[in-house]
Amino acid sequence: VSTDMLAELRARLPGVPTLVAGAESLPLPDGDRDVIVAAQAAHWFEAGAASREFLRVLAPGGAVGFVWNVQEATAPWARELAGLQADGTRDQTGDRPEGNQAIVDAFAEQLRADVESHHARWVPREAVVGRAASSSRVALLADDARAAYLGRIRDLLDTHPDTRRREELGIDYVTQAWRLVPRR
């Protein structure tokens, strides 16, 4: 859990109840929710246990949604950035586009679900370093390792011919979204 991100959510939406729990053990009553959504997270779940819990918590006709934003490194500087980001990456299935489909397939089998997918491209304008810092794998680094890692990204952006002296950088992402509706 990113305590900073949770604090930001609570500050921006104080009327929205929040809770911290694992997907495999949700502190909610049976049939309590119409939808369960996980963004940039389902690769951390154990498909069998989480699916059983989702089925318990979902109301009849409810659905599960999974979303990942996957960077497409097409520009030379973006390929270098992807290389820097890969240096500290554990073997997380959710970091690879083909892995996201495998995760969805595993959940679809466990949930006996019909699956719909949607993929869309978008180009954010937010800071590249901020995006890198928000990654769960970076949040888990020790302070000095995180600072060094983000420093390497800043160095790349400060020195690469395609990015130096530019205030805004476009990064190509593909947003991958799946809707799983369990057949009951």
Foldseek 3Di string as FASTA:
>chain_A
DPPVVVVVVCVVCVPDDDDDDALLDDPAAFQADQEAEDELPLLVHDQQSSLVSCNRHHHAQHKYKYKYKAFDQDDPLSVVVVVLLVVQDDPRLSNDPVSVVVSVVSNCVNLVWDKDKDKDKDWDFDDPLVVSCPDPSLVPDDPVVSVVSSVVNVVSQCPPPVRNPDNTDTTIIMMMMMMTGGDD
